[in-house]
Amino acid sequence: MTRVAVGLEYDGRAYAGWQTQATAPSIQACVEAALTSVAAEPVSLICAGRTDAGVHATGQVAHFDTQAARSARGWLLGANTLLPADVSLTWVQAMPGHFHARYSAEARTYTYVICNRTARPALGAGRVTHVHYALAHEEMAAAGRLLEGEHDFSAFRAVECQARSPVRILESLAVQRRGDLVLIRVTANAFLHHMVRNIAGLLIEIGRGRAPVGWAAEVLAGRDRTRGAPTAPADGLYLTQVRYPAPFGVPRGEASSASAMMPPELTRPA
């Protein structure tokens, strides 16, 4: 039995999220079907982060166990021939048996992309979140820094979140403006359900001038989701990188993000 890890990028608009669903299309189901065909045996995937409906990825990582003997090139080209145009394997690598896409991960990075201009985007429709009010990205960045560190993030978790603990370690939260785009990059050891979208919603309110920078710290300390901002849309959210211990040799997710589905600003180094 061989453990195989794969990198994935996808446009999440047509899917009900990563996880297989009985009545709706999912990323997991379509990738498993393609890999099962290549392997000529059932394949079951475990991913690093279960993205929600409409959320995209350039750096998703998953693994599966198989008895099939295929080269990395064979897995990659074979699966991509069978996958729909909006889902693609970006790399394939044999891994030691103790590698686990979810539990071996040290950190995950999400990038939230906002098109901040009066006119709505055409090419970016469904791929970026449109905010026509002017956003003060410096204030958003200052507010984001107040959320860094180890905290109880109850104020930023969805009601349906099933995580045992609301405590997470937020390593970094950076906000940058690149032309009409405002990018929010968040790295943490793990995330609660809707945590990034709820943080993005709060930062958008602060960027619009509807709340002071310090409101971020107040909401965090209050641990009450009802006192926060509305959840930002899924359109602008991307899982861009999963970090693993160096000995595993897992490729960095953002190195494979030059897909045409991405806003070009996302493919440039920060």
Protein backbone atom coordinates (compact mmCIF):
# COMPACT_ATOMS: atom_id res chain seq x y z
CA MET A 1 0.00 0.00 0.00
CA THR A 2 1.36 3.42 -1.00
CA ARG A 3 0.33 6.78 0.42
CA VAL A 4 0.08 9.46 -2.24
CA ALA A 5 -0.34 13.21 -1.69
CA VAL A 6 -1.78 15.55 -4.29
CA GLY A 7 -2.02 19.31 -4.70
CA LEU A 8 -5.26 20.75 -5.99
CA GLU A 9 -6.61 23.97 -7.35
CA TYR A 10 -10.26 24.59 -8.10
CA ASP A 11 -12.92 27.16 -8.81
CA GLY A 12 -15.53 26.46 -6.17
CA ARG A 13 -18.49 28.19 -7.78
CA ALA A 14 -20.15 25.04 -9.15
CA TYR A 15 -19.68 22.96 -6.00
CA ALA A 16 -21.28 22.59 -2.59
CA GLY A 17 -17.82 22.59 -1.02
CA TRP A 18 -15.06 20.03 -0.61
CA GLN A 19 -16.94 17.31 1.26
CA THR A 20 -18.97 14.69 -0.58
CA GLN A 21 -22.72 15.37 -0.41
CA ALA A 22 -25.61 13.10 -1.28
CA THR A 23 -27.56 15.62 -3.34
CA ALA A 24 -25.01 18.17 -4.57
CA PRO A 25 -21.71 18.14 -6.50
CA SER A 26 -18.51 18.35 -4.43
CA ILE A 27 -14.80 18.66 -5.08
CA GLN A 28 -14.05 15.49 -3.14
CA ALA A 29 -16.48 13.36 -5.13
CA CYS A 30 -15.27 14.45 -8.55
CA VAL A 31 -11.57 14.05 -7.66
CA GLU A 32 -12.15 10.65 -6.07
CA ALA A 33 -14.01 9.52 -9.19
CA ALA A 34 -11.11 10.58 -11.44
CA LEU A 35 -8.45 8.95 -9.25
CA THR A 36 -10.54 5.80 -8.87
CA SER A 37 -10.62 5.48 -12.65
CA VAL A 38 -6.85 5.91 -12.92
CA ALA A 39 -6.20 3.48 -10.06
CA ALA A 40 -8.76 0.91 -11.26
CA GLU A 41 -9.74 0.58 -7.57
CA PRO A 42 -11.69 2.74 -5.12
CA VAL A 43 -9.86 5.86 -3.91
CA SER A 44 -10.82 7.81 -0.79
CA LEU A 45 -9.34 11.28 -0.18
CA ILE A 46 -8.52 13.11 3.04
CA CYS A 47 -7.87 16.85 2.60
CA ALA A 48 -6.02 19.51 4.58
CA GLY A 49 -9.00 21.84 4.84
CA ARG A 50 -12.65 21.28 3.94
CA THR A 51 -13.57 24.39 1.98
CA ASP A 52 -17.20 25.55 1.94
CA ALA A 53 -19.57 26.03 -0.98
CA GLY A 54 -18.26 28.58 -3.47
CA VAL A 55 -14.78 28.76 -1.91
CA HIS A 56 -11.77 28.33 -4.20
CA ALA A 57 -8.30 26.84 -3.75
CA THR A 58 -4.86 27.09 -5.27
CA GLY A 59 -3.04 25.20 -2.52
CA GLN A 60 -5.34 22.44 -1.30
CA VAL A 61 -3.57 19.23 -0.28
CA ALA A 62 -5.08 15.75 0.03
CA HIS A 63 -3.82 12.20 0.39
CA PHE A 64 -5.02 8.68 -0.42
CA ASP A 65 -3.77 5.12 0.00
CA THR A 66 -3.60 2.79 -2.99
CA GLN A 67 -2.24 -0.51 -4.17
CA ALA A 68 -2.07 0.78 -7.74
CA ALA A 69 1.40 1.34 -9.15
CA ARG A 70 1.38 4.58 -11.13
CA SER A 71 4.03 7.23 -11.70
CA ALA A 72 3.44 10.76 -10.43
CA ARG A 73 3.05 11.84 -14.05
CA GLY A 74 0.58 9.03 -14.67
CA TRP A 75 -1.59 10.06 -11.72
CA LEU A 76 -1.43 13.73 -12.67
CA LEU A 77 -2.17 13.47 -16.38
CA GLY A 78 -4.63 10.63 -15.98
CA ALA A 79 -6.72 12.38 -13.35
CA ASN A 80 -6.65 15.76 -15.08
CA THR A 81 -7.89 14.17 -18.30
CA LEU A 82 -10.97 13.04 -16.41
CA LEU A 83 -11.55 16.05 -14.16
CA PRO A 84 -13.81 18.97 -15.13
CA ALA A 85 -12.11 22.13 -16.37
CA ASP A 86 -12.59 23.93 -13.05
CA VAL A 87 -10.68 21.33 -10.97
CA SER A 88 -7.05 20.31 -11.47
CA LEU A 89 -4.32 18.33 -9.76
CA THR A 90 -1.20 20.51 -9.64
CA TRP A 91 1.31 17.98 -8.28
CA VAL A 92 1.49 14.36 -7.11
CA GLN A 93 4.02 12.88 -4.68
CA ALA A 94 4.49 9.56 -2.90
CA MET A 95 4.65 10.09 0.85
CA PRO A 96 5.70 8.10 3.92
CA GLY A 97 2.89 6.23 5.63
CA HIS A 98 2.79 8.60 8.60
CA PHE A 99 2.01 11.64 6.43
CA HIS A 100 -1.53 12.94 6.90
CA ALA A 101 -2.91 15.81 4.82
CA ARG A 102 -4.88 17.19 7.76
CA TYR A 103 -3.04 16.21 10.92
CA SER A 104 0.51 16.68 9.61
CA ALA A 105 -0.19 20.28 8.59
CA GLU A 106 1.49 22.99 10.66
CA ALA A 107 -0.51 25.91 9.28
CA ARG A 108 -2.96 26.93 6.59
CA THR A 109 -3.14 30.20 4.67
CA TYR A 110 -6.30 31.68 3.20
CA THR A 111 -6.40 34.75 0.99
CA TYR A 112 -9.54 36.86 0.73
CA VAL A 113 -9.73 38.94 -2.44
CA ILE A 114 -11.80 42.13 -2.61
CA CYS A 115 -12.38 44.12 -5.79
CA ASN A 116 -12.63 47.64 -4.39
CA ARG A 117 -13.94 49.96 -7.07
CA THR A 118 -17.23 51.52 -8.09
CA ALA A 119 -17.80 49.28 -11.11
CA ARG A 120 -18.57 45.64 -10.47
CA PRO A 121 -16.06 43.15 -11.91
CA ALA A 122 -16.92 41.12 -14.99
CA LEU A 123 -13.98 38.74 -15.34
CA GLY A 124 -13.74 38.41 -11.57
CA ALA A 125 -17.43 37.70 -11.00
CA GLY A 126 -17.71 34.84 -8.54
CA ARG A 127 -13.94 34.88 -8.01
CA VAL A 128 -13.60 38.09 -6.01
CA THR A 129 -15.87 39.94 -3.60
CA HIS A 130 -17.00 43.32 -4.85
CA VAL A 131 -17.09 46.26 -2.40
CA HIS A 132 -17.91 49.56 -4.10
CA TYR A 133 -17.33 51.68 -0.99
CA ALA A 134 -13.78 53.00 -0.63
CA LEU A 135 -11.80 50.85 1.79
CA ALA A 136 -9.00 52.17 4.00
CA HIS A 137 -6.69 49.18 3.84
CA GLU A 138 -4.25 50.64 6.38
CA GLU A 139 -6.97 50.68 9.04
CA MET A 140 -7.97 47.15 8.05
CA ALA A 141 -4.35 46.03 8.46
CA ALA A 142 -4.09 47.67 11.88
CA ALA A 143 -7.30 45.98 13.01
CA GLY A 144 -6.09 42.64 11.68
CA ARG A 145 -2.94 42.83 13.78
CA LEU A 146 -5.12 42.98 16.90
CA LEU A 147 -6.34 39.48 16.10
CA GLU A 148 -2.90 37.89 15.81
CA GLY A 149 -1.80 35.40 18.46
CA GLU A 150 -3.53 32.62 20.39
CA HIS A 151 -7.11 33.52 21.22
CA ASP A 152 -10.61 32.20 21.74
CA PHE A 153 -12.18 33.02 18.36
CA SER A 154 -15.78 32.30 19.38
CA ALA A 155 -16.79 35.70 17.98
CA PHE A 156 -15.68 34.56 14.52
CA ARG A 157 -17.09 31.03 14.37
CA ALA A 158 -20.30 30.00 12.63
CA VAL A 159 -23.21 28.82 14.76
CA GLU A 160 -22.97 25.37 13.13
CA CYS A 161 -19.21 25.08 13.81
CA GLN A 162 -18.45 21.65 15.31
CA ALA A 163 -14.88 22.30 16.49
CA ARG A 164 -14.27 21.09 20.04
CA SER A 165 -12.35 24.23 20.99
CA PRO A 166 -12.64 27.82 19.70
CA VAL A 167 -8.98 28.51 20.50
CA ARG A 168 -6.74 28.99 17.49
CA ILE A 169 -3.26 30.42 16.90
CA LEU A 170 -3.43 33.13 14.25
CA GLU A 171 0.18 33.49 13.08
CA SER A 172 -0.29 36.48 10.82
CA LEU A 173 -2.96 38.66 9.23
CA ALA A 174 -1.81 41.01 6.48
CA VAL A 175 -3.86 43.42 4.37
CA GLN A 176 -2.47 44.86 1.14
CA ARG A 177 -3.85 46.99 -1.66
CA ARG A 178 -2.79 46.17 -5.22
CA GLY A 179 -4.57 48.51 -7.58
CA ASP A 180 -8.30 47.87 -7.31
CA LEU A 181 -7.76 44.74 -5.22
CA VAL A 182 -7.52 44.53 -1.44
CA LEU A 183 -5.99 41.24 -0.30
CA ILE A 184 -6.43 39.82 3.20
CA ARG A 185 -3.97 36.99 3.93
CA VAL A 186 -4.55 34.97 7.10
CA THR A 187 -2.31 32.17 8.39
CA ALA A 188 -3.24 30.04 11.39
CA ASN A 189 -2.65 26.57 12.74
CA ALA A 190 -6.30 25.80 11.94
CA PHE A 191 -9.55 27.65 11.33
CA LEU A 192 -13.08 27.52 12.70
CA HIS A 193 -16.08 27.28 10.37
CA HIS A 194 -16.49 30.62 8.53
CA MET A 195 -13.68 32.13 10.61
CA VAL A 196 -11.88 33.82 7.71
CA ARG A 197 -15.09 35.11 6.14
CA ASN A 198 -16.22 36.51 9.49
CA ILE A 199 -12.86 38.21 9.96
CA ALA A 200 -13.08 39.60 6.43
CA GLY A 201 -16.57 40.93 7.14
CA LEU A 202 -15.32 42.74 10.24
CA LEU A 203 -12.32 44.23 8.42
CA ILE A 204 -14.55 45.44 5.58
CA GLU A 205 -16.74 47.29 8.09
CA ILE A 206 -13.66 48.92 9.60
CA GLY A 207 -12.25 49.72 6.16
CA ARG A 208 -15.51 51.47 5.24
CA GLY A 209 -15.18 53.66 8.35
CA ARG A 210 -18.25 52.19 10.03
CA ALA A 211 -16.24 51.08 13.07
CA PRO A 212 -12.91 52.07 14.64
CA VAL A 213 -9.79 49.91 14.48
CA GLY A 214 -10.18 48.94 18.12
CA TRP A 215 -13.54 47.31 17.42
CA ALA A 216 -11.65 44.22 16.27
CA ALA A 217 -10.22 43.71 19.77
CA GLU A 218 -13.61 44.37 21.37
CA VAL A 219 -15.37 41.78 19.23
CA LEU A 220 -12.60 39.24 19.85
CA ALA A 221 -12.75 39.77 23.63
CA GLY A 222 -16.56 39.60 23.64
CA ARG A 223 -16.58 36.02 22.26
CA ASP A 224 -20.08 36.68 20.92
CA ARG A 225 -20.72 36.07 17.22
CA THR A 226 -23.85 38.25 17.28
CA ARG A 227 -21.74 41.32 18.09
CA GLY A 228 -19.57 40.97 14.99
CA ALA A 229 -20.00 41.95 11.36
CA PRO A 230 -21.94 40.08 8.67
CA THR A 231 -20.16 37.09 7.15
CA ALA A 232 -18.34 38.11 3.96
CA PRO A 233 -19.34 36.26 0.75
CA ALA A 234 -17.58 33.06 -0.28
CA ASP A 235 -16.66 34.50 -3.70
CA GLY A 236 -13.36 36.06 -2.64
CA LEU A 237 -12.00 33.25 -0.45
CA TYR A 238 -9.09 31.03 -1.53
CA LEU A 239 -7.18 28.32 0.33
CA THR A 240 -3.74 29.29 -0.95
CA GLN A 241 -1.25 27.28 1.07
CA VAL A 242 -0.87 24.43 3.54
CA ARG A 243 2.45 24.25 5.37
CA TYR A 244 4.01 20.96 6.45
CA PRO A 245 7.25 20.03 8.20
CA ALA A 246 10.15 20.35 5.73
CA PRO A 247 11.10 16.63 5.73
CA PHE A 248 7.86 15.79 3.90
CA GLY A 249 8.97 17.92 0.95
CA VAL A 250 5.45 19.10 0.18
CA PRO A 251 5.44 21.78 -2.56
CA ARG A 252 4.31 25.23 -1.50
CA GLY A 253 0.76 25.80 -2.66
CA GLU A 254 1.18 29.34 -3.96
CA ALA A 255 3.90 28.18 -6.36
CA SER A 256 1.16 26.51 -8.40
CA SER A 257 -1.33 29.36 -8.36
CA ALA A 258 -0.78 30.75 -11.86
CA SER A 259 -4.14 29.43 -12.99
CA ALA A 260 -6.25 31.55 -15.29
CA MET A 261 -9.07 31.34 -12.75
CA MET A 262 -7.05 33.46 -10.31
CA PRO A 263 -6.82 37.25 -10.18
CA PRO A 264 -3.29 37.86 -11.49
CA GLU A 265 -2.36 39.81 -8.36
CA LEU A 266 -2.65 36.59 -6.35
CA THR A 267 0.14 34.93 -8.33
CA ARG A 268 2.70 37.59 -7.40
CA PRO A 269 4.84 37.39 -4.26
CA ALA A 270 3.53 39.39 -1.32
